[in-house]
Amino acid sequence: MRFLRDPLVAFLIAGTCIFFVADWLGEEDIPYTVQVSAQDLARLTDQWSMQMSRPPTDAELSGLLDQFIREEIYYREAQRLGLDRDDTIVRRRMVQKLTFLTEDIATAAPLEDDALRDYYAANIDDYRLPSRLSFRHKYFSSDRRDNAQRDANTAMAVEEELGDPFMLQRAYAMRSQRELRDLFGAEFAAAAIALEPSEAWQGPIQSAYGWHILWVTDSAAASVEPFADVRAKVVTDAQQAARSAANEAYFAGLKARYQIQLPSDA
């Protein structure tokens, strides 16, 4: 039936199965039979092949199988002794594995193109490019000069004036206002991003370092990246959103089964 292919329905069904299995397998029912399946052997073989770039020999596979059985026996005995209790590392690892399980279930089925486009439209601001600017500049130090702003103003008409040495770059390509703010300060960024390309020096503009005049060579207005250009990013973002939603839904279902008792003064 078509509704069974819905990832959320599949997640709910799998989550229900997990509840029943967890209730059925208690510590008192830890079996003494270690059953090695064909899938276990295939997994051991694949892991070896990935690490060593070749399949294991019969002797190597036998060693891997012995180690697998040893770990399984030790693990079950540790459970019987309750060694997994009150251990912060084990606790966090088990929480992490359960989280991964719910995330895997939520993203088991690939998202269809229509669903990706819906996510893209609903989160369009995440794919918006800000205004950007390309320019070169001359710098005039307030520490080195008596009146750096005046000297910067004068330099706009004097091509030979090189300005003062500057610790950062002399030219920048397609930088956003946010990037310019991080480099030069908010006042400089706001003034610079408002400039248009010109065949003349513009400014002066004050930064956190001093004064600058800019030769703006190119600019780009804010725009939205087309879906086709960012499809891979949309897939990643949509899957992450699905994982987060699955974790929240799964935890809400679990929490509903519990009674939370707090100290009276909490």
Protein backbone atom coordinates (compact mmCIF):
# COMPACT_ATOMS: atom_id res chain seq x y z
CA MET A 1 0.00 0.00 0.00
CA ARG A 2 1.21 3.46 -0.83
CA PHE A 3 1.07 4.86 2.72
CA LEU A 4 3.60 2.24 3.85
CA ARG A 5 6.22 3.95 1.67
CA ASP A 6 5.88 7.18 3.63
CA PRO A 7 9.13 7.63 5.67
CA LEU A 8 7.21 8.83 8.73
CA VAL A 9 4.92 5.77 8.67
CA ALA A 10 7.94 3.50 8.32
CA PHE A 11 9.59 5.30 11.24
CA LEU A 12 6.55 4.86 13.48
CA ILE A 13 6.26 1.15 12.61
CA ALA A 14 9.97 0.57 13.26
CA GLY A 15 9.78 2.53 16.50
CA THR A 16 6.90 0.35 17.69
CA CYS A 17 8.95 -2.77 16.90
CA ILE A 18 11.83 -1.38 18.95
CA PHE A 19 9.52 -0.93 21.95
CA PHE A 20 8.31 -4.54 21.75
CA VAL A 21 11.81 -5.96 21.29
CA ALA A 22 13.13 -3.91 24.20
CA ASP A 23 10.33 -5.16 26.44
CA TRP A 24 10.79 -8.76 25.31
CA LEU A 25 14.55 -8.93 25.76
CA GLY A 26 15.34 -8.24 29.37
CA GLU A 27 18.62 -8.95 31.16
CA GLU A 28 17.11 -12.14 32.56
CA ASP A 29 16.60 -13.42 29.00
CA ILE A 30 20.13 -12.91 27.71
CA PRO A 31 20.70 -16.09 25.70
CA TYR A 32 23.68 -18.41 26.04
CA THR A 33 23.56 -19.26 22.33
CA VAL A 34 25.78 -17.15 20.07
CA GLN A 35 24.32 -17.48 16.61
CA VAL A 36 26.64 -16.23 13.87
CA SER A 37 24.70 -15.36 10.74
CA ALA A 38 25.80 -15.13 7.13
CA GLN A 39 25.31 -11.38 7.47
CA ASP A 40 27.78 -11.30 10.37
CA LEU A 41 30.39 -13.10 8.28
CA ALA A 42 29.77 -10.78 5.33
CA ARG A 43 30.12 -7.73 7.58
CA LEU A 44 33.40 -8.99 9.06
CA THR A 45 34.69 -9.70 5.57
CA ASP A 46 33.65 -6.30 4.26
CA GLN A 47 35.23 -4.45 7.18
CA TRP A 48 38.51 -6.29 6.67
CA SER A 49 38.42 -5.66 2.93
CA MET A 50 37.84 -1.93 3.42
CA GLN A 51 40.76 -1.64 5.84
CA MET A 52 43.23 -3.92 4.07
CA SER A 53 42.14 -3.42 0.43
CA ARG A 54 41.85 -7.18 -0.05
CA PRO A 55 39.58 -9.98 1.20
CA PRO A 56 40.73 -11.97 4.26
CA THR A 57 42.27 -15.40 3.95
CA ASP A 58 40.52 -18.37 5.58
CA ALA A 59 42.87 -18.12 8.55
CA GLU A 60 42.30 -14.36 8.89
CA LEU A 61 38.52 -14.78 8.65
CA SER A 62 38.71 -17.48 11.31
CA GLY A 63 40.59 -15.07 13.56
CA LEU A 64 38.00 -12.34 12.93
CA LEU A 65 35.23 -14.81 13.79
CA ASP A 66 36.98 -15.85 17.01
CA GLN A 67 37.28 -12.20 18.04
CA PHE A 68 33.63 -11.56 17.21
CA ILE A 69 32.53 -14.50 19.37
CA ARG A 70 34.84 -13.45 22.21
CA GLU A 71 33.42 -9.92 22.18
CA GLU A 72 29.84 -11.21 22.08
CA ILE A 73 30.40 -13.51 25.07
CA TYR A 74 32.17 -10.82 27.09
CA TYR A 75 29.42 -8.34 26.21
CA ARG A 76 26.65 -10.65 27.43
CA GLU A 77 28.50 -11.48 30.64
CA ALA A 78 29.09 -7.79 31.29
CA GLN A 79 25.33 -7.26 30.87
CA ARG A 80 24.59 -10.04 33.35
CA LEU A 81 26.93 -8.44 35.87
CA GLY A 82 25.30 -5.06 35.31
CA LEU A 83 28.58 -3.46 34.23
CA ASP A 84 26.69 -1.30 31.73
CA ARG A 85 24.87 0.45 34.59
CA ASP A 86 25.97 3.74 36.10
CA ASP A 87 28.73 4.11 33.50
CA THR A 88 28.70 7.55 31.91
CA ILE A 89 30.60 6.47 28.81
CA VAL A 90 28.35 3.47 28.18
CA ARG A 91 25.27 5.59 28.90
CA ARG A 92 26.27 8.26 26.37
CA ARG A 93 27.21 5.70 23.75
CA MET A 94 23.87 3.92 24.07
CA VAL A 95 22.00 7.23 23.81
CA GLN A 96 24.05 8.07 20.73
CA LYS A 97 23.32 4.71 19.09
CA LEU A 98 19.58 5.04 19.75
CA THR A 99 19.69 8.53 18.25
CA PHE A 100 21.50 7.21 15.18
CA LEU A 101 18.89 4.46 14.85
CA THR A 102 15.98 6.88 14.78
CA GLU A 103 17.85 9.10 12.31
CA ASP A 104 18.61 6.18 10.01
CA ILE A 105 14.95 5.13 10.01
CA ALA A 106 13.84 8.69 9.22
CA THR A 107 16.16 8.96 6.22
CA ALA A 108 16.00 5.37 4.98
CA ALA A 109 13.90 6.33 1.96
CA PRO A 110 15.37 8.99 -0.36
CA LEU A 111 13.37 12.20 -0.56
CA GLU A 112 11.49 12.69 -3.80
CA ASP A 113 12.18 15.75 -5.92
CA ASP A 114 8.83 17.36 -5.05
CA ALA A 115 9.59 17.04 -1.33
CA LEU A 116 13.02 18.61 -1.85
CA ARG A 117 11.50 21.51 -3.78
CA ASP A 118 8.95 22.02 -1.01
CA TYR A 119 11.75 22.13 1.56
CA TYR A 120 13.71 24.54 -0.63
CA ALA A 121 10.71 26.87 -0.94
CA ALA A 122 9.95 26.74 2.79
CA ASN A 123 13.57 27.56 3.69
CA ILE A 124 14.39 29.89 0.81
CA ASP A 125 16.38 32.28 3.01
CA ASP A 126 18.96 29.55 3.60
CA TYR A 127 19.80 29.67 -0.12
CA ARG A 128 19.91 33.42 -0.50
CA LEU A 129 23.22 35.01 -1.52
CA PRO A 130 23.89 38.43 0.07
CA SER A 131 25.11 41.49 -1.79
CA ARG A 132 28.81 41.20 -2.62
CA LEU A 133 31.57 43.56 -3.59
CA SER A 134 34.97 43.36 -5.34
CA PHE A 135 37.44 46.19 -4.75
CA ARG A 136 40.99 47.27 -4.13
CA HIS A 137 41.83 49.92 -1.57
CA LYS A 138 44.42 52.31 -0.24
CA TYR A 139 44.91 52.59 3.48
CA PHE A 140 45.74 55.65 5.57
CA SER A 141 46.74 55.01 9.16
CA SER A 142 45.31 57.20 11.91
CA ASP A 143 48.34 56.31 14.04
CA ARG A 144 50.93 57.33 11.44
CA ARG A 145 49.28 60.51 10.16
CA ASP A 146 48.12 63.72 11.77
CA ASN A 147 44.94 63.76 9.65
CA ALA A 148 44.42 60.40 7.90
CA GLN A 149 40.95 61.32 6.66
CA ARG A 150 42.23 64.45 4.91
CA ASP A 151 45.13 62.58 3.34
CA ALA A 152 42.76 59.86 2.11
CA ASN A 153 40.51 62.48 0.57
CA THR A 154 43.45 64.10 -1.19
CA ALA A 155 44.74 60.75 -2.46
CA MET A 156 41.58 60.11 -4.49
CA ALA A 157 42.85 62.63 -7.01
CA VAL A 158 46.52 61.60 -6.84
CA GLU A 159 47.20 58.25 -8.53
CA GLU A 160 50.77 58.11 -7.21
CA GLU A 161 49.70 58.13 -3.57
CA LEU A 162 50.12 54.53 -2.36
CA GLY A 163 48.90 54.97 1.19
CA ASP A 164 50.34 53.16 4.19
CA PRO A 165 51.31 49.48 4.59
CA PHE A 166 48.29 47.38 5.52
CA MET A 167 48.34 44.12 7.48
CA LEU A 168 45.57 42.52 5.41
CA GLN A 169 45.00 42.31 1.66
CA ARG A 170 45.01 45.18 -0.80
CA ALA A 171 42.22 43.65 -2.91
CA TYR A 172 39.11 41.60 -2.18
CA ALA A 173 36.82 39.64 -4.50
CA MET A 174 33.08 39.23 -3.98
CA ARG A 175 32.94 39.78 -0.25
CA SER A 176 29.62 40.13 1.58
CA GLN A 177 28.79 42.78 4.13
CA ARG A 178 29.19 40.22 6.89
CA GLU A 179 32.66 39.24 5.66
CA LEU A 180 33.68 42.89 5.39
CA ARG A 181 32.36 43.54 8.88
CA ASP A 182 34.53 40.74 10.24
CA LEU A 183 37.57 42.19 8.47
CA PHE A 184 37.12 45.94 8.80
CA GLY A 185 34.28 46.62 11.24
CA ALA A 186 30.55 47.33 10.90
CA GLU A 187 30.86 51.01 9.86
CA PHE A 188 33.22 50.22 7.00
CA ALA A 189 31.14 47.25 5.82
CA ALA A 190 27.88 49.23 5.69
CA ALA A 191 29.46 52.08 3.73
CA ALA A 192 31.43 49.86 1.34
CA ILE A 193 28.58 47.52 0.37
CA ALA A 194 26.53 50.55 -0.72
CA LEU A 195 29.14 51.59 -3.33
CA GLU A 196 28.70 50.92 -7.04
CA PRO A 197 31.46 49.94 -9.50
CA SER A 198 33.24 53.05 -10.77
CA GLU A 199 36.25 54.16 -12.76
CA ALA A 200 37.31 56.40 -9.89
CA TRP A 201 38.35 56.08 -6.27
CA GLN A 202 35.54 56.40 -3.76
CA GLY A 203 35.46 57.29 -0.08
CA PRO A 204 37.12 57.89 2.23
CA ILE A 205 35.61 55.25 4.52
CA GLN A 206 36.70 54.69 8.11
CA SER A 207 37.49 51.21 9.39
CA ALA A 208 38.73 49.80 12.68
CA TYR A 209 42.28 50.51 11.43
CA GLY A 210 42.03 53.97 9.91
CA TRP A 211 40.76 55.43 6.62
CA HIS A 212 40.45 53.86 3.17
CA ILE A 213 39.62 54.83 -0.37
CA LEU A 214 38.14 52.10 -2.59
CA TRP A 215 38.24 51.30 -6.30
CA VAL A 216 35.15 49.15 -6.77
CA THR A 217 35.55 46.79 -9.73
CA ASP A 218 32.43 44.64 -9.44
CA SER A 219 29.31 44.08 -7.37
CA ALA A 220 26.43 41.63 -7.19
CA ALA A 221 23.00 42.27 -5.73
CA ALA A 222 21.43 39.87 -3.26
CA SER A 223 19.89 36.87 -5.01
CA VAL A 224 18.49 33.39 -4.43
CA GLU A 225 20.51 30.44 -5.67
CA PRO A 226 18.47 28.35 -8.15
CA PHE A 227 17.26 24.98 -6.89
CA ALA A 228 19.27 23.13 -9.54
CA ASP A 229 22.50 24.78 -8.33
CA VAL A 230 21.98 23.92 -4.66
CA ARG A 231 20.11 20.61 -4.95
CA ALA A 232 22.86 18.66 -3.18
CA LYS A 233 22.81 21.12 -0.28
CA VAL A 234 19.00 20.93 -0.13
CA VAL A 235 19.22 17.13 0.11
CA THR A 236 21.66 17.41 3.04
CA ASP A 237 19.60 20.08 4.80
CA ALA A 238 16.30 18.24 4.30
CA GLN A 239 17.77 14.99 5.60
CA GLN A 240 19.13 16.76 8.66
CA ALA A 241 15.73 18.33 9.28
CA ALA A 242 14.13 14.90 8.97
CA ARG A 243 16.62 13.47 11.47
CA SER A 244 15.89 16.22 13.97
CA ALA A 245 12.14 15.83 13.55
CA ALA A 246 12.41 12.05 13.97
CA ASN A 247 14.44 12.40 17.16
CA GLU A 248 11.95 14.88 18.61
CA ALA A 249 8.97 12.72 17.66
CA TYR A 250 10.60 9.56 19.00
CA PHE A 251 11.54 11.21 22.29
CA ALA A 252 8.04 12.68 22.69
CA GLY A 253 6.61 9.17 22.28
CA LEU A 254 9.06 7.75 24.81
CA LYS A 255 8.51 10.52 27.34
CA ALA A 256 4.75 9.97 27.22
CA ARG A 257 5.35 6.47 28.66
CA TYR A 258 7.28 7.78 31.67
CA GLN A 259 6.32 9.55 34.85
CA ILE A 260 8.81 12.24 35.87
CA GLN A 261 9.19 12.77 39.62
CA LEU A 262 11.25 15.74 40.82
CA PRO A 263 12.30 16.73 44.33
CA SER A 264 9.73 18.97 46.00
CA ASP A 265 12.15 21.89 46.06
CA ALA A 266 13.19 21.52 42.41
